[in-house]
Amino acid sequence: MSSPRFQSRAERALDECAPSAPRVHVVTFGCQMNKYDSLAVEGRFRRRGYVTTETLSEADVVLFNTCSVREHAEERVFSWVGELKTLKARRPELVVGVMGCMAERMGEDVFGRSALVDLVVGTRSFQHLPELVDELRAKRESGLGRKATRLTRLGFDETPDSDRGPEPYTGGRLGYLTVMRGCDLNCTFCIVPTVRGRVLSRPAAELLDEARWMIDQGAQVITLLGQTVNSYGEDLAPDQGGRGRQGRPALADLIERLNELPGLERIRLVTLHPAYVTRALAEALRDCRKADRFLPLPIQSGGDDVLRRMKRGYTVELYRQRVELLREHCPDIELGSDWIVGFPGESEADFEASTRAVREQRFAVNYVFQYSARPGTRAAELVDDVPESVKNDRNRRFLELCEQVQLERLREKLGATLDVYVEQCSEKREGVLQARTHTGLPVSFEGAPELVGRNLRVRIEHCTAFGLSGLRVEG
């Protein structure tokens, strides 16, 4: 979750020019796609004459962009909304909206959970928020009561309007670009298809235009976003020369075209699925200088029986083959994985299979989640038969193993001199810069702020399980 955030120079200039304009504040929970959508929403409001504010108390419109991956994320939203009770009582004209995944999942039930909420807007309708706020205010001015003025806009019939028009880009050097929405897979533990709909890929020409718009205003790194980003183009019409199935455009084509854009330093990907790893993608990562060779490629479990109950669509052996394809073309590639421990039916043998998979693939990054049933998913219909004490124990053991494997992986970099892109100044350590290698490994070193945004060389002298540190090497 991110809020408040620092305003860019362009944002501050706009806000200073319109001190009496209505103000909007967006609180963002969850993934990078939500961050991308929040920036787009702020842009739509600016076109409407609004300015952004860093504090909720100054806002005329407060929007919560929500996540539904876990119940805890939703409860945090309602906790934040509840904090507005006093402000809403003092300023009843304040508009409070809930948008995004939780809005799509709960619909009008959001109103039942909180009487403070005025708007509920789903994942493919956020571009209408300024008009919906105007409509709501018009109804209030006509004398209708609060319940009669509540508005919802849900469903997947719309294509989100991605036209950025005259608005400034406000995402900084590290930009995000949503290349597709939704997911056509049916993993039993996942709520995403329910709240984001089926796959909807954006045309490459549209994405290139938006990328140029970002780069022209300061973006140097663009992360391509999708629930299964390497399935990009599967739903598009065949295109002569496309490297996807039946000549359709594919992620490999998009990477190659982005690689040609002047001013762009790095291209990153989040998140991939093993089923869509192709030779064309491996070749694009090999051939495109700007493409980072770090892939978040979750395996979720090392047990084939568990993978089958998860409906992941692959076995451990197939996963291994896809990784071998990637490493054949990019020997230095680094991988990250998500894991679920304690999934229904997971035996000790299944758990041990996961520990073997960690050791075999030597993932540089691991995110470990202890299974809990998520209402609305097919896994919630399974018998949750792994005792809580066993889940806790496996979670602890697995975290310790992942940390050990990561540390062993990063120790191999000690003494090496690595090329890095400097992302930002450390927020916690004055005089320290934070950078990443082309293989996605985090590197910190001492340096001046003016080095941010540059490609440098760093000799690695220390490491933890979570990153590298060293000294800048001139030349």
Protein backbone atom coordinates (compact mmCIF):
# COMPACT_ATOMS: atom_id res chain seq x y z
CA MET A 1 0.00 0.00 0.00
CA SER A 2 1.32 3.44 -0.85
CA SER A 3 0.02 6.76 0.40
CA PRO A 4 0.78 9.55 0.62
CA ARG A 5 3.41 9.78 -2.09
CA PHE A 6 5.71 12.59 -3.10
CA GLN A 7 4.50 14.88 -5.83
CA SER A 8 6.59 15.34 -8.95
CA ARG A 9 7.69 18.77 -10.16
CA ALA A 10 4.98 18.64 -12.84
CA GLU A 11 2.30 17.84 -10.28
CA ARG A 12 3.38 20.64 -7.93
CA ALA A 13 3.39 23.14 -10.79
CA LEU A 14 -0.16 22.18 -11.75
CA ASP A 15 -1.38 22.36 -8.18
CA GLU A 16 0.24 25.73 -7.49
CA CYS A 17 -1.52 27.13 -10.57
CA ALA A 18 -4.94 26.21 -9.24
CA PRO A 19 -5.05 26.77 -5.46
CA SER A 20 -8.87 26.98 -5.39
CA ALA A 21 -9.49 23.94 -7.58
CA PRO A 22 -11.18 20.86 -6.10
CA ARG A 23 -8.72 18.35 -4.67
CA VAL A 24 -8.44 14.60 -5.01
CA HIS A 25 -6.41 12.11 -2.99
CA VAL A 26 -5.89 8.48 -4.03
CA VAL A 27 -4.79 5.80 -1.56
CA THR A 28 -3.32 2.78 -3.36
CA PHE A 29 -3.23 -0.75 -2.00
CA GLY A 30 -1.67 -3.79 -3.64
CA CYS A 31 0.22 -4.38 -6.85
CA GLN A 32 2.00 -2.27 -9.45
CA MET A 33 -1.06 -2.47 -11.71
CA ASN A 34 -3.01 -0.60 -9.06
CA LYS A 35 -0.28 2.04 -8.89
CA TYR A 36 -0.51 2.44 -12.66
CA ASP A 37 -4.31 2.76 -12.49
CA SER A 38 -4.09 5.30 -9.66
CA LEU A 39 -1.83 7.55 -11.72
CA ALA A 40 -4.25 7.26 -14.63
CA VAL A 41 -7.16 8.21 -12.36
CA GLU A 42 -5.30 11.25 -11.07
CA GLY A 43 -4.66 12.26 -14.68
CA ARG A 44 -8.37 12.01 -15.49
CA PHE A 45 -9.23 14.26 -12.56
CA ARG A 46 -6.61 16.80 -13.59
CA ARG A 47 -8.25 17.03 -17.01
CA ARG A 48 -11.43 17.83 -15.10
CA GLY A 49 -9.76 20.74 -13.29
CA TYR A 50 -8.80 18.94 -10.07
CA VAL A 51 -5.43 18.99 -8.34
CA THR A 52 -3.94 16.26 -6.17
CA THR A 53 -3.28 16.64 -2.47
CA GLU A 54 -0.92 14.66 -0.29
CA THR A 55 -3.27 14.54 2.69
CA LEU A 56 -6.75 13.08 3.06
CA SER A 57 -7.93 15.95 5.26
CA GLU A 58 -7.48 18.49 2.44
CA ALA A 59 -9.25 16.43 -0.22
CA ASP A 60 -12.71 16.95 -1.67
CA VAL A 61 -12.60 13.45 -3.16
CA VAL A 62 -10.86 10.50 -1.49
CA LEU A 63 -10.48 7.29 -3.51
CA PHE A 64 -9.23 3.92 -2.29
CA ASN A 65 -7.74 1.74 -5.04
CA THR A 66 -8.07 -1.73 -3.56
CA CYS A 67 -6.66 -5.25 -3.65
CA SER A 68 -8.53 -8.53 -3.15
CA VAL A 69 -5.72 -11.06 -3.25
CA ARG A 70 -6.00 -11.57 0.51
CA GLU A 71 -8.68 -10.83 3.07
CA HIS A 72 -6.25 -8.78 5.14
CA ALA A 73 -5.84 -6.32 2.26
CA GLU A 74 -9.60 -5.71 2.17
CA GLU A 75 -9.85 -5.26 5.93
CA ARG A 76 -7.14 -2.61 5.77
CA VAL A 77 -9.24 -0.67 3.26
CA PHE A 78 -12.26 -0.61 5.58
CA SER A 79 -10.00 0.44 8.43
CA TRP A 80 -8.76 3.40 6.37
CA VAL A 81 -12.30 4.30 5.31
CA GLY A 82 -13.38 4.24 8.96
CA GLU A 83 -10.75 6.83 9.79
CA LEU A 84 -12.74 9.31 7.66
CA LYS A 85 -15.80 9.21 9.94
CA THR A 86 -14.98 12.44 11.77
CA LEU A 87 -13.94 14.25 8.59
CA LYS A 88 -17.10 13.13 6.80
CA ALA A 89 -19.27 14.33 9.68
CA ARG A 90 -17.58 17.73 9.55
CA ARG A 91 -17.64 17.90 5.75
CA PRO A 92 -20.60 15.88 4.46
CA GLU A 93 -19.86 17.04 0.89
CA LEU A 94 -16.69 14.92 0.92
CA VAL A 95 -16.90 12.15 -1.71
CA VAL A 96 -15.47 8.78 -0.69
CA GLY A 97 -14.96 6.14 -3.37
CA VAL A 98 -13.77 2.54 -3.45
CA MET A 99 -12.31 1.36 -6.75
CA GLY A 100 -10.44 -1.65 -8.07
CA CYS A 101 -10.46 -5.34 -7.22
CA MET A 102 -12.34 -5.23 -3.91
CA ALA A 103 -14.99 -3.01 -5.48
CA GLU A 104 -15.43 -5.53 -8.31
CA ARG A 105 -15.61 -8.48 -5.91
CA MET A 106 -17.99 -6.98 -3.35
CA GLY A 107 -20.07 -4.61 -5.47
CA GLU A 108 -22.82 -2.87 -3.52
CA ASP A 109 -21.94 -4.91 -0.44
CA VAL A 110 -19.26 -2.28 0.13
CA PHE A 111 -22.03 0.14 1.08
CA GLY A 112 -23.26 -2.38 3.64
CA ARG A 113 -19.82 -2.56 5.24
CA SER A 114 -19.36 1.21 5.36
CA ALA A 115 -21.97 3.94 5.27
CA LEU A 116 -19.20 6.43 4.49
CA VAL A 117 -18.69 5.17 0.92
CA ASP A 118 -20.40 7.03 -1.94
CA LEU A 119 -18.89 5.37 -5.04
CA VAL A 120 -17.99 1.78 -5.95
CA VAL A 121 -16.15 1.47 -9.28
CA GLY A 122 -14.64 -1.70 -10.75
CA THR A 123 -11.37 -2.56 -12.43
CA ARG A 124 -12.38 -1.66 -15.98
CA SER A 125 -14.42 1.47 -15.28
CA PHE A 126 -12.04 3.76 -13.37
CA GLN A 127 -11.75 6.18 -16.31
CA HIS A 128 -15.32 7.31 -15.59
CA LEU A 129 -14.63 8.41 -12.00
CA PRO A 130 -14.54 12.20 -12.62
CA GLU A 131 -17.90 12.05 -14.43
CA LEU A 132 -19.37 9.83 -11.70
CA VAL A 133 -18.27 12.31 -9.03
CA ASP A 134 -19.93 15.12 -10.96
CA GLU A 135 -23.10 13.05 -11.30
CA LEU A 136 -23.12 12.26 -7.59
CA ARG A 137 -22.70 15.90 -6.64
CA ALA A 138 -25.46 16.96 -9.03
CA LYS A 139 -27.85 14.48 -7.40
CA ARG A 140 -26.93 15.79 -3.95
CA GLU A 141 -27.56 19.36 -5.03
CA SER A 142 -30.98 18.33 -6.31
CA GLY A 143 -31.90 17.32 -2.76
CA LEU A 144 -31.63 13.54 -2.98
CA GLY A 145 -30.49 11.75 0.17
CA ARG A 146 -27.16 9.98 0.58
CA LYS A 147 -28.48 6.50 -0.18
CA ALA A 148 -30.13 7.75 -3.37
CA THR A 149 -26.91 9.35 -4.54
CA ARG A 150 -24.64 6.33 -4.15
CA LEU A 151 -23.27 5.13 -7.49
CA THR A 152 -21.71 1.92 -8.78
CA ARG A 153 -20.03 1.04 -12.07
CA LEU A 154 -18.90 -2.56 -12.39
CA GLY A 155 -18.36 -5.34 -14.91
CA PHE A 156 -16.01 -6.22 -17.75
CA ASP A 157 -17.95 -4.97 -20.78
CA GLU A 158 -15.78 -1.89 -21.10
CA THR A 159 -12.25 -1.40 -22.37
CA PRO A 160 -10.42 1.00 -20.04
CA ASP A 161 -9.66 4.24 -21.86
CA SER A 162 -5.87 4.48 -21.97
CA ASP A 163 -5.61 7.82 -23.78
CA ARG A 164 -3.30 9.99 -21.65
CA GLY A 165 -4.08 13.10 -23.69
CA PRO A 166 -2.51 16.36 -22.51
CA GLU A 167 -1.88 15.23 -18.94
CA PRO A 168 1.71 15.18 -17.61
CA TYR A 169 3.45 11.94 -16.79
CA THR A 170 3.98 11.77 -13.02
CA GLY A 171 5.48 8.30 -12.49
CA GLY A 172 9.15 9.29 -12.21
CA ARG A 173 12.16 7.45 -13.63
CA LEU A 174 10.74 4.02 -12.82
CA GLY A 175 7.55 3.80 -14.87
CA TYR A 176 4.85 1.13 -15.11
CA LEU A 177 2.93 0.22 -18.24
CA THR A 178 -0.04 -2.12 -18.09
CA VAL A 179 0.09 -4.04 -21.38
CA MET A 180 -2.88 -6.32 -20.67
CA ARG A 181 -5.65 -6.85 -18.17
CA GLY A 182 -7.30 -9.93 -16.75
CA CYS A 183 -6.36 -13.60 -16.89
CA ASP A 184 -7.63 -16.59 -18.85
CA LEU A 185 -6.24 -19.17 -16.43
CA ASN A 186 -8.21 -20.69 -13.58
CA CYS A 187 -5.77 -21.31 -10.74
CA THR A 188 -7.96 -22.51 -7.90
CA PHE A 189 -6.38 -20.25 -5.25
CA CYS A 190 -6.61 -17.03 -7.29
CA ILE A 191 -9.35 -14.40 -7.26
CA VAL A 192 -7.90 -12.38 -10.19
CA PRO A 193 -10.11 -13.67 -13.04
CA THR A 194 -13.15 -12.92 -10.89
CA VAL A 195 -12.18 -9.32 -10.20
CA ARG A 196 -10.24 -8.40 -13.37
CA GLY A 197 -12.00 -10.47 -16.03
CA ARG A 198 -10.59 -12.35 -18.98
CA VAL A 199 -7.46 -11.32 -20.88
CA LEU A 200 -7.57 -8.04 -22.77
CA SER A 201 -4.28 -7.14 -24.48
CA ARG A 202 -3.64 -3.60 -25.64
CA PRO A 203 -2.47 -2.95 -29.23
CA ALA A 204 1.28 -2.56 -29.57
CA ALA A 205 1.01 0.82 -31.31
CA GLU A 206 -0.96 2.19 -28.37
CA LEU A 207 1.61 0.87 -25.91
CA LEU A 208 4.51 2.35 -27.86
CA ASP A 209 2.78 5.74 -27.92
CA GLU A 210 2.33 5.64 -24.16
CA ALA A 211 5.92 4.50 -23.62
CA ARG A 212 7.19 7.45 -25.71
CA TRP A 213 4.96 9.80 -23.69
CA MET A 214 6.52 8.46 -20.48
CA ILE A 215 10.11 8.58 -21.77
CA ASP A 216 9.73 12.12 -23.12
CA GLN A 217 8.82 13.20 -19.57
CA GLY A 218 11.56 11.44 -17.66
CA ALA A 219 10.91 7.69 -17.49
CA GLN A 220 14.08 5.63 -17.97
CA VAL A 221 12.85 2.22 -16.82
CA ILE A 222 9.50 0.77 -17.89
CA THR A 223 8.05 -2.31 -16.23
CA LEU A 224 5.51 -4.12 -18.39
CA LEU A 225 2.59 -5.31 -16.28
CA GLY A 226 0.10 -8.14 -16.64
CA GLN A 227 -1.34 -10.93 -14.52
CA THR A 228 0.41 -13.30 -16.94
CA VAL A 229 2.38 -10.75 -18.90
CA ASN A 230 4.00 -13.31 -21.20
CA SER A 231 0.56 -14.28 -22.52
CA TYR A 232 0.38 -10.78 -24.04
CA GLY A 233 -1.15 -10.88 -27.52
CA GLU A 234 -2.89 -14.26 -27.23
CA ASP A 235 -6.25 -12.53 -27.69
CA LEU A 236 -5.17 -10.16 -30.48
CA ALA A 237 -5.83 -10.71 -34.18
CA PRO A 238 -3.06 -12.35 -36.25
CA ASP A 239 -0.46 -9.85 -37.38
CA GLN A 240 1.96 -10.49 -40.19
CA GLY A 241 5.34 -11.15 -38.63
CA GLY A 242 4.01 -11.64 -35.09
CA ARG A 243 5.96 -14.23 -33.09
CA GLY A 244 3.00 -15.52 -31.10
CA ARG A 245 0.81 -18.46 -31.95
CA GLN A 246 -0.72 -18.30 -35.44
CA GLY A 247 1.26 -15.14 -36.16
CA ARG A 248 -0.28 -13.10 -33.36
CA PRO A 249 1.71 -10.29 -31.71
CA ALA A 250 3.62 -11.59 -28.70
CA LEU A 251 5.53 -10.18 -25.76
CA ALA A 252 8.75 -10.85 -27.67
CA ASP A 253 7.60 -8.47 -30.43
CA LEU A 254 6.73 -5.76 -27.93
CA ILE A 255 10.09 -6.04 -26.15
CA GLU A 256 11.95 -5.76 -29.46
CA ARG A 257 10.03 -2.63 -30.44
CA LEU A 258 10.47 -0.99 -27.04
CA ASN A 259 14.17 -1.79 -27.20
CA GLU A 260 14.47 0.65 -30.11
CA LEU A 261 13.08 3.65 -28.22
CA PRO A 262 15.69 6.38 -27.52
CA GLY A 263 15.95 7.38 -23.88
CA LEU A 264 14.73 4.07 -22.47
CA GLU A 265 17.34 2.32 -20.32
CA ARG A 266 15.63 -0.80 -19.00
CA ILE A 267 12.61 -3.00 -19.75
CA ARG A 268 11.25 -5.17 -16.93
CA LEU A 269 8.47 -7.73 -16.73
CA VAL A 270 5.87 -8.60 -14.04
CA THR A 271 4.54 -11.37 -13.70
CA LEU A 272 5.07 -14.43 -15.94
CA HIS A 273 3.50 -17.88 -16.15
CA PRO A 274 5.48 -21.02 -17.12
CA ALA A 275 2.85 -22.04 -19.70
CA TYR A 276 3.67 -18.99 -21.86
CA VAL A 277 7.48 -19.21 -21.81
CA THR A 278 8.50 -19.47 -25.48
CA ARG A 279 11.67 -19.62 -27.52
CA ALA A 280 10.76 -16.24 -29.02
CA LEU A 281 10.66 -14.69 -25.54
CA ALA A 282 14.01 -16.24 -24.63
CA GLU A 283 15.53 -14.90 -27.86
CA ALA A 284 14.15 -11.41 -27.23
CA LEU A 285 15.64 -11.35 -23.72
CA ARG A 286 18.97 -12.48 -25.19
CA ASP A 287 19.03 -10.02 -28.10
CA CYS A 288 17.53 -6.87 -26.59
CA ARG A 289 20.14 -4.94 -24.62
CA LYS A 290 17.56 -3.04 -22.61
CA ALA A 291 15.60 -6.10 -21.44
CA ASP A 292 16.40 -7.10 -17.86
CA ARG A 293 17.17 -10.77 -17.47
CA PHE A 294 15.21 -11.22 -14.28
CA LEU A 295 11.88 -13.00 -14.49
CA PRO A 296 9.30 -13.46 -11.73
CA LEU A 297 8.21 -16.96 -12.79
CA PRO A 298 6.22 -18.47 -9.92
CA ILE A 299 6.19 -22.24 -9.55
CA GLN A 300 3.97 -22.12 -6.39
CA SER A 301 4.76 -25.73 -5.34
CA GLY A 302 7.25 -28.47 -6.08
CA GLY A 303 4.62 -31.22 -5.76
CA ASP A 304 2.83 -32.32 -8.94
CA ASP A 305 -0.28 -33.38 -7.02
CA VAL A 306 -0.49 -29.94 -5.42
CA LEU A 307 0.04 -28.24 -8.78
CA ARG A 308 -2.79 -30.31 -10.20
CA ARG A 309 -5.15 -29.25 -7.38
CA MET A 310 -4.04 -25.67 -7.96
CA LYS A 311 -4.82 -26.10 -11.69
CA ARG A 312 -1.54 -24.49 -12.61
CA GLY A 313 -1.38 -26.29 -15.97
CA TYR A 314 2.14 -27.70 -15.70
CA THR A 315 4.22 -30.27 -13.85
CA VAL A 316 7.54 -29.71 -12.15
CA GLU A 317 9.23 -31.34 -15.15
CA LEU A 318 7.54 -28.96 -17.60
CA TYR A 319 8.54 -26.02 -15.42
CA ARG A 320 12.12 -27.35 -15.49
CA GLN A 321 12.04 -27.55 -19.29
CA ARG A 322 10.84 -23.96 -19.63
CA VAL A 323 13.61 -22.74 -17.33
CA GLU A 324 16.19 -24.73 -19.31
CA LEU A 325 14.94 -22.99 -22.47
CA LEU A 326 15.46 -19.60 -20.87
CA ARG A 327 18.91 -20.47 -19.55
CA GLU A 328 19.95 -21.91 -22.91
CA HIS A 329 19.56 -18.43 -24.41
CA CYS A 330 20.35 -16.34 -21.30
CA PRO A 331 22.76 -18.27 -19.05
CA ASP A 332 22.90 -15.42 -16.52
CA ILE A 333 19.13 -15.10 -16.09
CA GLU A 334 17.82 -14.86 -12.52
CA LEU A 335 14.39 -16.09 -11.46
CA GLY A 336 11.98 -15.25 -8.69
CA SER A 337 9.12 -17.40 -7.43
CA ASP A 338 5.99 -17.27 -5.32
CA TRP A 339 5.22 -20.24 -3.08
CA ILE A 340 2.15 -21.41 -1.22
CA VAL A 341 2.77 -23.72 1.74
CA GLY A 342 -0.01 -25.69 3.40
CA PHE A 343 -2.27 -25.85 0.34
CA PRO A 344 -5.17 -28.33 0.80
CA GLY A 345 -3.87 -31.87 0.52
CA GLU A 346 -0.19 -30.90 0.77
CA SER A 347 1.65 -33.86 2.31
CA GLU A 348 5.07 -33.80 3.90
CA ALA A 349 6.35 -35.39 0.69
CA ASP A 350 4.84 -32.52 -1.33
CA PHE A 351 6.49 -30.03 0.98
CA GLU A 352 9.85 -31.77 0.64
CA ALA A 353 9.41 -31.64 -3.15
CA SER A 354 9.08 -27.86 -2.85
CA THR A 355 12.30 -27.68 -0.86
CA ARG A 356 14.05 -29.66 -3.61
CA ALA A 357 12.71 -27.29 -6.26
CA VAL A 358 14.09 -24.28 -4.38
CA ARG A 359 17.51 -25.87 -4.18
CA GLU A 360 17.45 -26.99 -7.81
CA GLN A 361 16.37 -23.70 -9.38
CA ARG A 362 18.21 -21.52 -6.87
CA PHE A 363 15.71 -18.69 -7.06
CA ALA A 364 17.23 -15.30 -6.31
CA VAL A 365 13.93 -14.00 -4.89
CA ASN A 366 11.20 -15.95 -3.09
CA TYR A 367 7.84 -14.83 -1.74
CA VAL A 368 6.34 -17.39 0.61
CA PHE A 369 2.66 -17.41 1.54
CA GLN A 370 0.90 -19.61 4.04
CA TYR A 371 -2.35 -20.87 2.55
CA SER A 372 -5.66 -19.60 3.84
CA ALA A 373 -8.97 -20.07 2.05
CA ARG A 374 -10.07 -17.09 -0.06
CA PRO A 375 -13.86 -16.81 -0.47
CA GLY A 376 -14.85 -16.82 -4.13
CA THR A 377 -12.02 -19.10 -5.25
CA ARG A 378 -12.38 -22.77 -6.20
CA ALA A 379 -9.75 -23.75 -3.64
CA ALA A 380 -12.12 -22.52 -0.92
CA GLU A 381 -14.34 -25.48 -1.81
CA LEU A 382 -11.51 -27.92 -1.01
CA VAL A 383 -11.09 -29.40 2.45
CA ASP A 384 -8.46 -27.28 4.20
CA ASP A 385 -6.91 -30.34 5.81
CA VAL A 386 -3.42 -29.15 6.71
CA PRO A 387 -3.42 -28.26 10.43
CA GLU A 388 -2.55 -24.69 11.29
CA SER A 389 0.41 -25.80 13.39
CA VAL A 390 1.79 -27.73 10.40
CA LYS A 391 1.30 -24.72 8.13
CA ASN A 392 3.17 -22.52 10.59
CA ASP A 393 6.04 -24.99 10.86
CA ARG A 394 6.35 -25.45 7.10
CA ASN A 395 6.17 -21.73 6.53
CA ARG A 396 9.00 -21.12 8.99
CA ARG A 397 11.18 -23.91 7.59
CA PHE A 398 10.58 -22.81 4.03
CA LEU A 399 11.43 -19.18 4.72
CA GLU A 400 14.67 -20.26 6.35
CA LEU A 401 15.55 -22.46 3.36
CA CYS A 402 14.77 -19.70 0.84
CA GLU A 403 16.95 -17.25 2.74
CA GLN A 404 19.78 -19.79 2.77
CA VAL A 405 19.50 -20.44 -0.97
CA GLN A 406 19.33 -16.73 -1.78
CA LEU A 407 22.41 -16.05 0.34
CA GLU A 408 24.36 -18.81 -1.41
CA ARG A 409 23.28 -17.41 -4.78
CA LEU A 410 24.37 -13.86 -3.96
CA ARG A 411 27.65 -14.90 -2.38
CA GLU A 412 28.75 -15.97 -5.84
CA LYS A 413 28.82 -12.29 -6.82
CA LEU A 414 31.38 -11.30 -4.16
CA GLY A 415 34.44 -9.81 -5.80
CA ALA A 416 32.72 -9.33 -9.15
CA THR A 417 32.36 -5.96 -10.87
CA LEU A 418 28.77 -5.54 -12.10
CA ASP A 419 27.01 -3.07 -14.37
CA VAL A 420 24.11 -1.42 -12.55
CA TYR A 421 21.42 1.15 -13.21
CA VAL A 422 21.07 3.60 -10.29
CA GLU A 423 17.40 3.83 -9.32
CA GLN A 424 17.22 6.13 -6.33
CA CYS A 425 18.73 7.46 -3.13
CA SER A 426 18.17 5.31 -0.09
CA GLU A 427 15.37 6.64 2.09
CA LYS A 428 16.97 5.17 5.22
CA ARG A 429 20.72 5.67 4.73
CA GLU A 430 22.03 9.10 3.80
CA GLY A 431 24.65 9.07 1.07
CA VAL A 432 23.71 5.58 -0.15
CA LEU A 433 22.36 4.85 -3.61
CA GLN A 434 20.19 1.93 -4.64
CA ALA A 435 20.69 0.25 -8.00
CA ARG A 436 19.93 -2.98 -9.88
CA THR A 437 21.89 -5.23 -12.18
CA HIS A 438 20.57 -6.34 -15.56
CA THR A 439 19.60 -9.57 -13.80
CA GLY A 440 17.47 -7.73 -11.25
CA LEU A 441 19.76 -8.04 -8.23
CA PRO A 442 19.61 -5.06 -5.83
CA VAL A 443 22.94 -3.30 -5.24
CA SER A 444 23.68 -0.47 -2.79
CA PHE A 445 26.77 1.73 -2.65
CA GLU A 446 27.83 5.18 -1.49
CA GLY A 447 27.43 7.94 -4.01
CA ALA A 448 26.11 11.41 -4.78
CA PRO A 449 22.44 12.01 -5.66
CA GLU A 450 23.35 13.23 -9.16
CA LEU A 451 24.35 9.65 -10.04
CA VAL A 452 20.69 8.56 -9.94
CA GLY A 453 19.54 7.59 -13.42
CA ARG A 454 22.99 6.59 -14.63
CA ASN A 455 24.53 3.27 -15.60
CA LEU A 456 27.64 2.59 -13.49
CA ARG A 457 29.95 -0.21 -12.40
CA VAL A 458 30.14 -1.47 -8.82
CA ARG A 459 32.58 -3.95 -7.29
CA ILE A 460 30.65 -6.22 -4.92
CA GLU A 461 32.14 -6.53 -1.44
CA HIS A 462 29.28 -7.62 0.81
CA CYS A 463 25.95 -9.41 0.54
CA THR A 464 22.94 -10.58 2.49
CA ALA A 465 20.19 -12.93 1.39
CA PHE A 466 18.36 -9.91 0.03
CA GLY A 467 20.94 -7.81 -1.78
CA LEU A 468 24.49 -6.80 -2.64
CA SER A 469 26.65 -3.85 -1.68
CA GLY A 470 30.00 -2.53 -2.81
CA LEU A 471 32.05 0.34 -4.17
CA ARG A 472 31.71 2.31 -7.38
CA VAL A 473 34.37 1.56 -9.98
CA GLU A 474 35.33 4.39 -12.31
CA GLY A 475 35.31 3.79 -16.06
